[in-house]
């Protein structure tokens, strides 16, 4: 993965985490809603693992967000 793609991925996850925190939701809540483990949520948010598209999509859906909109916002912020 090139540098730009890594930066975009990191920004998308950062935006998802910011929204989770803004709503005062726990990692456990996102895990329960997405079907992912709390450990996976923590690894992804901490930057220890790069999420697959499916993981990012499931996290976004757990927050009732459209991943495409989050990606657009991330692209704008990276410019």
PDB file of N, CA and C in Angstrom:
ATOM      1  N   UNK A   1       0.856  -1.170   0.000  1.00  0.00           N
ATOM      2  CA  UNK A   1       0.000   0.000   0.000  1.00  0.00           C
ATOM      3  C   UNK A   1       0.903   1.234   0.000  1.00  0.00           C
ATOM      4  N   UNK A   2       0.583   2.186  -0.853  1.00  0.00           N
ATOM      5  CA  UNK A   2       1.417   3.387  -0.920  1.00  0.00           C
ATOM      6  C   UNK A   2       1.110   4.344   0.234  1.00  0.00           C
ATOM      7  N   UNK A   3       1.926   5.363   0.352  1.00  0.00           N
ATOM      8  CA  UNK A   3       1.834   6.304   1.466  1.00  0.00           C
ATOM      9  C   UNK A   3       0.481   7.019   1.513  1.00  0.00           C
ATOM     10  N   UNK A   4      -0.018   7.416   0.337  1.00  0.00           N
ATOM     11  CA  UNK A   4      -1.309   8.120   0.290  1.00  0.00           C
ATOM     12  C   UNK A   4      -2.448   7.213   0.755  1.00  0.00           C
ATOM     13  N   UNK A   5      -2.429   5.973   0.323  1.00  0.00           N
ATOM     14  CA  UNK A   5      -3.476   5.031   0.716  1.00  0.00           C
ATOM     15  C   UNK A   5      -3.438   4.781   2.221  1.00  0.00           C
ATOM     16  N   UNK A   6      -2.234   4.671   2.785  1.00  0.00           N
ATOM     17  CA  UNK A   6      -2.112   4.482   4.240  1.00  0.00           C
ATOM     18  C   UNK A   6      -2.662   5.681   4.993  1.00  0.00           C
ATOM     19  N   UNK A   7      -2.337   6.871   4.488  1.00  0.00           N
ATOM     20  CA  UNK A   7      -2.813   8.093   5.136  1.00  0.00           C
ATOM     21  C   UNK A   7      -4.339   8.178   5.077  1.00  0.00           C
ATOM     22  N   UNK A   8      -4.915   7.810   3.941  1.00  0.00           N
ATOM     23  CA  UNK A   8      -6.363   7.842   3.789  1.00  0.00           C
ATOM     24  C   UNK A   8      -7.016   6.837   4.736  1.00  0.00           C
ATOM     25  N   UNK A   9      -6.460   5.658   4.798  1.00  0.00           N
ATOM     26  CA  UNK A   9      -6.997   4.623   5.690  1.00  0.00           C
ATOM     27  C   UNK A   9      -6.953   5.100   7.144  1.00  0.00           C
ATOM     28  N   UNK A  10      -5.820   5.658   7.550  1.00  0.00           N
ATOM     29  CA  UNK A  10      -5.672   6.144   8.916  1.00  0.00           C
ATOM     30  C   UNK A  10      -6.667   7.267   9.215  1.00  0.00           C
ATOM     31  N   UNK A  11      -6.894   8.140   8.258  1.00  0.00           N
ATOM     32  CA  UNK A  11      -7.827   9.251   8.446  1.00  0.00           C
ATOM     33  C   UNK A  11      -9.261   8.743   8.565  1.00  0.00           C
ATOM     34  N   UNK A  12      -9.627   7.747   7.752  1.00  0.00           N
ATOM     35  CA  UNK A  12     -10.969   7.166   7.828  1.00  0.00           C
ATOM     36  C   UNK A  12     -11.203   6.590   9.219  1.00  0.00           C
ATOM     37  N   UNK A  13     -10.247   5.822   9.709  1.00  0.00           N
ATOM     38  CA  UNK A  13     -10.386   5.219  11.035  1.00  0.00           C
ATOM     39  C   UNK A  13     -10.428   6.306  12.106  1.00  0.00           C
ATOM     40  N   UNK A  14      -9.624   7.325  11.949  1.00  0.00           N
ATOM     41  CA  UNK A  14      -9.631   8.434  12.898  1.00  0.00           C
ATOM     42  C   UNK A  14     -11.006   9.108  12.947  1.00  0.00           C
ATOM     43  N   UNK A  15     -11.610   9.308  11.794  1.00  0.00           N
ATOM     44  CA  UNK A  15     -12.933   9.923  11.744  1.00  0.00           C
ATOM     45  C   UNK A  15     -13.988   9.028  12.396  1.00  0.00           C
ATOM     46  N   UNK A  16     -13.884   7.727  12.169  1.00  0.00           N
ATOM     47  CA  UNK A  16     -14.822   6.802  12.819  1.00  0.00           C
ATOM     48  C   UNK A  16     -14.647   6.843  14.336  1.00  0.00           C
ATOM     49  N   UNK A  17     -13.401   6.861  14.775  1.00  0.00           N
ATOM     50  CA  UNK A  17     -13.129   6.919  16.220  1.00  0.00           C
ATOM     51  C   UNK A  17     -13.636   8.236  16.812  1.00  0.00           C
ATOM     52  N   UNK A  18     -13.394   9.336  16.124  1.00  0.00           N
ATOM     53  CA  UNK A  18     -13.864  10.637  16.611  1.00  0.00           C
ATOM     54  C   UNK A  18     -15.386  10.654  16.748  1.00  0.00           C
ATOM     55  N   UNK A  19     -16.068  10.062  15.772  1.00  0.00           N
ATOM     56  CA  UNK A  19     -17.535  10.023  15.840  1.00  0.00           C
ATOM     57  C   UNK A  19     -17.989   9.142  16.995  1.00  0.00           C
ATOM     58  N   UNK A  20     -17.320   8.013  17.182  1.00  0.00           N
ATOM     59  CA  UNK A  20     -17.662   7.139  18.310  1.00  0.00           C
ATOM     60  C   UNK A  20     -17.503   7.895  19.624  1.00  0.00           C
ATOM     61  N   UNK A  21     -16.388   8.586  19.765  1.00  0.00           N
ATOM     62  CA  UNK A  21     -16.117   9.331  20.995  1.00  0.00           C
ATOM     63  C   UNK A  21     -17.074  10.514  21.150  1.00  0.00           C
ATOM     64  N   UNK A  22     -17.404  11.177  20.042  1.00  0.00           N
ATOM     65  CA  UNK A  22     -18.338  12.309  20.103  1.00  0.00           C
ATOM     66  C   UNK A  22     -19.689  11.850  20.644  1.00  0.00           C
ATOM     67  N   UNK A  23     -20.097  10.669  20.255  1.00  0.00           N
ATOM     68  CA  UNK A  23     -21.369  10.118  20.714  1.00  0.00           C
ATOM     69  C   UNK A  23     -21.253   9.435  22.077  1.00  0.00           C
ATOM     70  N   UNK A  24     -20.050   9.431  22.616  1.00  0.00           N
ATOM     71  CA  UNK A  24     -19.769   8.806  23.911  1.00  0.00           C
ATOM     72  C   UNK A  24     -20.141   7.326  23.909  1.00  0.00           C
ATOM     73  N   UNK A  25     -19.766   6.656  22.831  1.00  0.00           N
ATOM     74  CA  UNK A  25     -19.992   5.219  22.701  1.00  0.00           C
ATOM     75  C   UNK A  25     -18.690   4.485  22.990  1.00  0.00           C
ATOM     76  N   UNK A  26     -18.805   3.324  23.563  1.00  0.00           N
ATOM     77  CA  UNK A  26     -17.613   2.539  23.889  1.00  0.00           C
ATOM     78  C   UNK A  26     -17.178   1.693  22.696  1.00  0.00           C
ATOM     79  N   UNK A  27     -15.941   1.247  22.753  1.00  0.00           N
ATOM     80  CA  UNK A  27     -15.440   0.301  21.753  1.00  0.00           C
ATOM     81  C   UNK A  27     -16.267  -0.979  21.826  1.00  0.00           C
ATOM     82  N   UNK A  28     -16.674  -1.330  23.024  1.00  0.00           N
ATOM     83  CA  UNK A  28     -17.490  -2.523  23.219  1.00  0.00           C
ATOM     84  C   UNK A  28     -18.817  -2.394  22.467  1.00  0.00           C
ATOM     85  N   UNK A  29     -19.439  -1.221  22.510  1.00  0.00           N
ATOM     86  CA  UNK A  29     -20.690  -0.999  21.787  1.00  0.00           C
ATOM     87  C   UNK A  29     -20.486  -1.210  20.293  1.00  0.00           C
ATOM     88  N   UNK A  30     -19.434  -0.590  19.740  1.00  0.00           N
ATOM     89  CA  UNK A  30     -19.156  -0.741  18.305  1.00  0.00           C
ATOM     90  C   UNK A  30     -18.896  -2.212  17.980  1.00  0.00           C
ATOM     91  N   UNK A  31     -18.183  -2.888  18.854  1.00  0.00           N
ATOM     92  CA  UNK A  31     -17.916  -4.314  18.647  1.00  0.00           C
ATOM     93  C   UNK A  31     -19.213  -5.103  18.605  1.00  0.00           C
ATOM     94  N   UNK A  32     -20.096  -4.852  19.561  1.00  0.00           N
ATOM     95  CA  UNK A  32     -21.374  -5.562  19.625  1.00  0.00           C
ATOM     96  C   UNK A  32     -22.214  -5.296  18.376  1.00  0.00           C
ATOM     97  N   UNK A  33     -22.276  -4.042  17.962  1.00  0.00           N
ATOM     98  CA  UNK A  33     -23.103  -3.661  16.815  1.00  0.00           C
ATOM     99  C   UNK A  33     -22.527  -4.149  15.488  1.00  0.00           C
ATOM    100  N   UNK A  34     -21.210  -4.270  15.416  1.00  0.00           N
ATOM    101  CA  UNK A  34     -20.555  -4.638  14.159  1.00  0.00           C
ATOM    102  C   UNK A  34     -20.276  -6.129  14.032  1.00  0.00           C
ATOM    103  N   UNK A  35     -20.334  -6.840  15.150  1.00  0.00           N
ATOM    104  CA  UNK A  35     -19.979  -8.251  15.118  1.00  0.00           C
ATOM    105  C   UNK A  35     -18.486  -8.496  15.153  1.00  0.00           C
ATOM    106  N   UNK A  36     -17.731  -7.439  15.421  1.00  0.00           N
ATOM    107  CA  UNK A  36     -16.277  -7.543  15.559  1.00  0.00           C
ATOM    108  C   UNK A  36     -15.931  -7.671  17.037  1.00  0.00           C
ATOM    109  N   UNK A  37     -14.741  -8.106  17.325  1.00  0.00           N
ATOM    110  CA  UNK A  37     -14.335  -8.205  18.722  1.00  0.00           C
ATOM    111  C   UNK A  37     -13.887  -6.835  19.230  1.00  0.00           C
ATOM    112  N   UNK A  38     -14.037  -6.587  20.520  1.00  0.00           N
ATOM    113  CA  UNK A  38     -13.538  -5.329  21.091  1.00  0.00           C
ATOM    114  C   UNK A  38     -12.034  -5.170  20.842  1.00  0.00           C
ATOM    115  N   UNK A  39     -11.311  -6.278  20.845  1.00  0.00           N
ATOM    116  CA  UNK A  39      -9.871  -6.234  20.591  1.00  0.00           C
ATOM    117  C   UNK A  39      -9.583  -5.745  19.175  1.00  0.00           C
ATOM    118  N   UNK A  40     -10.373  -6.186  18.215  1.00  0.00           N
ATOM    119  CA  UNK A  40     -10.196  -5.728  16.831  1.00  0.00           C
ATOM    120  C   UNK A  40     -10.427  -4.234  16.728  1.00  0.00           C
ATOM    121  N   UNK A  41     -11.478  -3.757  17.365  1.00  0.00           N
ATOM    122  CA  UNK A  41     -11.759  -2.315  17.360  1.00  0.00           C
ATOM    123  C   UNK A  41     -10.569  -1.564  17.954  1.00  0.00           C
ATOM    124  N   UNK A  42     -10.056  -2.040  19.066  1.00  0.00           N
ATOM    125  CA  UNK A  42      -8.916  -1.388  19.720  1.00  0.00           C
ATOM    126  C   UNK A  42      -7.688  -1.411  18.823  1.00  0.00           C
ATOM    127  N   UNK A  43      -7.369  -2.550  18.231  1.00  0.00           N
ATOM    128  CA  UNK A  43      -6.201  -2.645  17.337  1.00  0.00           C
ATOM    129  C   UNK A  43      -6.311  -1.664  16.176  1.00  0.00           C
ATOM    130  N   UNK A  44      -7.483  -1.599  15.574  1.00  0.00           N
ATOM    131  CA  UNK A  44      -7.680  -0.722  14.421  1.00  0.00           C
ATOM    132  C   UNK A  44      -7.579   0.742  14.839  1.00  0.00           C
ATOM    133  N   UNK A  45      -8.274   1.109  15.903  1.00  0.00           N
ATOM    134  CA  UNK A  45      -8.252   2.511  16.346  1.00  0.00           C
ATOM    135  C   UNK A  45      -6.864   2.941  16.821  1.00  0.00           C
ATOM    136  N   UNK A  46      -6.104   2.029  17.386  1.00  0.00           N
ATOM    137  CA  UNK A  46      -4.761   2.356  17.868  1.00  0.00           C
ATOM    138  C   UNK A  46      -3.718   2.337  16.758  1.00  0.00           C
ATOM    139  N   UNK A  47      -4.124   1.917  15.565  1.00  0.00           N
ATOM    140  CA  UNK A  47      -3.189   1.872  14.444  1.00  0.00           C
ATOM    141  C   UNK A  47      -2.289   0.650  14.454  1.00  0.00           C
ATOM    142  N   UNK A  48      -2.629  -0.334  15.289  1.00  0.00           N
ATOM    143  CA  UNK A  48      -1.826  -1.554  15.347  1.00  0.00           C
ATOM    144  C   UNK A  48      -2.118  -2.485  14.182  1.00  0.00           C
ATOM    145  N   UNK A  49      -3.287  -2.322  13.583  1.00  0.00           N
ATOM    146  CA  UNK A  49      -3.679  -3.131  12.421  1.00  0.00           C
ATOM    147  C   UNK A  49      -4.395  -2.255  11.420  1.00  0.00           C
ATOM    148  N   UNK A  50      -4.152  -2.531  10.139  1.00  0.00           N
ATOM    149  CA  UNK A  50      -4.902  -1.870   9.082  1.00  0.00           C
ATOM    150  C   UNK A  50      -6.186  -2.659   8.861  1.00  0.00           C
ATOM    151  N   UNK A  51      -7.315  -1.986   8.872  1.00  0.00           N
ATOM    152  CA  UNK A  51      -8.574  -2.717   8.712  1.00  0.00           C
ATOM    153  C   UNK A  51      -8.797  -3.130   7.259  1.00  0.00           C
ATOM    154  N   UNK A  52      -9.502  -4.214   7.090  1.00  0.00           N
ATOM    155  CA  UNK A  52      -9.969  -4.569   5.758  1.00  0.00           C
ATOM    156  C   UNK A  52     -11.131  -3.645   5.422  1.00  0.00           C
ATOM    157  N   UNK A  53     -11.519  -3.649   4.179  1.00  0.00           N
ATOM    158  CA  UNK A  53     -12.681  -2.867   3.775  1.00  0.00           C
ATOM    159  C   UNK A  53     -13.909  -3.324   4.554  1.00  0.00           C
ATOM    160  N   UNK A  54     -14.044  -4.627   4.722  1.00  0.00           N
ATOM    161  CA  UNK A  54     -15.193  -5.164   5.461  1.00  0.00           C
ATOM    162  C   UNK A  54     -15.200  -4.659   6.905  1.00  0.00           C
ATOM    163  N   UNK A  55     -14.044  -4.636   7.547  1.00  0.00           N
ATOM    164  CA  UNK A  55     -13.962  -4.165   8.933  1.00  0.00           C
ATOM    165  C   UNK A  55     -14.362  -2.701   9.029  1.00  0.00           C
ATOM    166  N   UNK A  56     -13.834  -1.859   8.137  1.00  0.00           N
ATOM    167  CA  UNK A  56     -14.180  -0.436   8.145  1.00  0.00           C
ATOM    168  C   UNK A  56     -15.674  -0.245   7.872  1.00  0.00           C
ATOM    169  N   UNK A  57     -16.205  -1.029   6.949  1.00  0.00           N
ATOM    170  CA  UNK A  57     -17.625  -0.938   6.635  1.00  0.00           C
ATOM    171  C   UNK A  57     -18.477  -1.330   7.838  1.00  0.00           C
ATOM    172  N   UNK A  58     -18.106  -2.385   8.511  1.00  0.00           N
ATOM    173  CA  UNK A  58     -18.865  -2.834   9.683  1.00  0.00           C
ATOM    174  C   UNK A  58     -18.787  -1.812  10.815  1.00  0.00           C
ATOM    175  N   UNK A  59     -17.624  -1.191  10.997  1.00  0.00           N
ATOM    176  CA  UNK A  59     -17.489  -0.153  12.024  1.00  0.00           C
ATOM    177  C   UNK A  59     -18.374   1.039  11.687  1.00  0.00           C
ATOM    178  N   UNK A  60     -18.364   1.456  10.420  1.00  0.00           N
ATOM    179  CA  UNK A  60     -19.191   2.588   9.997  1.00  0.00           C
ATOM    180  C   UNK A  60     -20.668   2.272  10.181  1.00  0.00           C
ATOM    181  N   UNK A  61     -21.077   1.077   9.790  1.00  0.00           N
ATOM    182  CA  UNK A  61     -22.480   0.694   9.934  1.00  0.00           C
ATOM    183  C   UNK A  61     -22.898   0.654  11.391  1.00  0.00           C
ATOM    184  N   UNK A  62     -22.006   0.232  12.270  1.00  0.00           N
ATOM    185  CA  UNK A  62     -22.316   0.204  13.702  1.00  0.00           C
ATOM    186  C   UNK A  62     -22.596   1.611  14.227  1.00  0.00           C
ATOM    187  N   UNK A  63     -21.987   2.601  13.582  1.00  0.00           N
ATOM    188  CA  UNK A  63     -22.187   3.999  13.963  1.00  0.00           C
ATOM    189  C   UNK A  63     -23.272   4.667  13.119  1.00  0.00           C
ATOM    190  N   UNK A  64     -23.929   3.873  12.278  1.00  0.00           N
ATOM    191  CA  UNK A  64     -24.971   4.366  11.377  1.00  0.00           C
ATOM    192  C   UNK A  64     -24.421   5.448  10.448  1.00  0.00           C
ATOM    193  N   UNK A  65     -23.227   5.191   9.917  1.00  0.00           N
ATOM    194  CA  UNK A  65     -22.580   6.110   8.982  1.00  0.00           C
ATOM    195  C   UNK A  65     -22.407   5.416   7.642  1.00  0.00           C
ATOM    196  N   UNK A  66     -22.387   6.206   6.573  1.00  0.00           N
ATOM    197  CA  UNK A  66     -22.095   5.694   5.237  1.00  0.00           C
ATOM    198  C   UNK A  66     -20.585   5.781   5.044  1.00  0.00           C
ATOM    199  N   UNK A  67     -19.940   4.645   4.860  1.00  0.00           N
ATOM    200  CA  UNK A  67     -18.484   4.630   4.729  1.00  0.00           C
ATOM    201  C   UNK A  67     -18.018   5.494   3.561  1.00  0.00           C
ATOM    202  N   UNK A  68     -18.778   5.535   2.485  1.00  0.00           N
ATOM    203  CA  UNK A  68     -18.407   6.372   1.341  1.00  0.00           C
ATOM    204  C   UNK A  68     -18.327   7.842   1.746  1.00  0.00           C
ATOM    205  N   UNK A  69     -19.257   8.286   2.573  1.00  0.00           N
ATOM    206  CA  UNK A  69     -19.238   9.678   3.052  1.00  0.00           C
ATOM    207  C   UNK A  69     -18.034   9.924   3.948  1.00  0.00           C
ATOM    208  N   UNK A  70     -17.696   8.952   4.769  1.00  0.00           N
ATOM    209  CA  UNK A  70     -16.532   9.087   5.646  1.00  0.00           C
ATOM    210  C   UNK A  70     -15.258   9.177   4.807  1.00  0.00           C
ATOM    211  N   UNK A  71     -15.171   8.371   3.760  1.00  0.00           N
ATOM    212  CA  UNK A  71     -13.997   8.403   2.879  1.00  0.00           C
ATOM    213  C   UNK A  71     -13.894   9.754   2.183  1.00  0.00           C
ATOM    214  N   UNK A  72     -15.019  10.276   1.709  1.00  0.00           N
ATOM    215  CA  UNK A  72     -15.017  11.604   1.074  1.00  0.00           C
ATOM    216  C   UNK A  72     -14.512  12.667   2.045  1.00  0.00           C
ATOM    217  N   UNK A  73     -14.996  12.614   3.269  1.00  0.00           N
ATOM    218  CA  UNK A  73     -14.574  13.585   4.281  1.00  0.00           C
ATOM    219  C   UNK A  73     -13.077  13.438   4.561  1.00  0.00           C
ATOM    220  N   UNK A  74     -12.604  12.203   4.640  1.00  0.00           N
ATOM    221  CA  UNK A  74     -11.182  11.960   4.886  1.00  0.00           C
ATOM    222  C   UNK A  74     -10.331  12.525   3.745  1.00  0.00           C
ATOM    223  N   UNK A  75     -10.770  12.324   2.525  1.00  0.00           N
ATOM    224  CA  UNK A  75     -10.032  12.856   1.358  1.00  0.00           C
ATOM    225  C   UNK A  75      -9.936  14.370   1.418  1.00  0.00           C
ATOM    226  N   UNK A  76     -11.046  15.016   1.745  1.00  0.00           N
ATOM    227  CA  UNK A  76     -11.052  16.480   1.846  1.00  0.00           C
ATOM    228  C   UNK A  76     -10.072  16.959   2.911  1.00  0.00           C
ATOM    229  N   UNK A  77     -10.038  16.273   4.034  1.00  0.00           N
ATOM    230  CA  UNK A  77      -9.171  16.682   5.138  1.00  0.00           C
ATOM    231  C   UNK A  77      -7.690  16.446   4.823  1.00  0.00           C
ATOM    232  N   UNK A  78      -7.403  15.518   3.944  1.00  0.00           N
ATOM    233  CA  UNK A  78      -6.016  15.222   3.590  1.00  0.00           C
ATOM    234  C   UNK A  78      -5.445  16.157   2.540  1.00  0.00           C
ATOM    235  N   UNK A  79      -6.303  16.906   1.876  1.00  0.00           N
ATOM    236  CA  UNK A  79      -5.828  17.828   0.831  1.00  0.00           C
ATOM    237  C   UNK A  79      -5.126  19.006   1.401  1.00  0.00           C
TER     238      UNK A  79
END
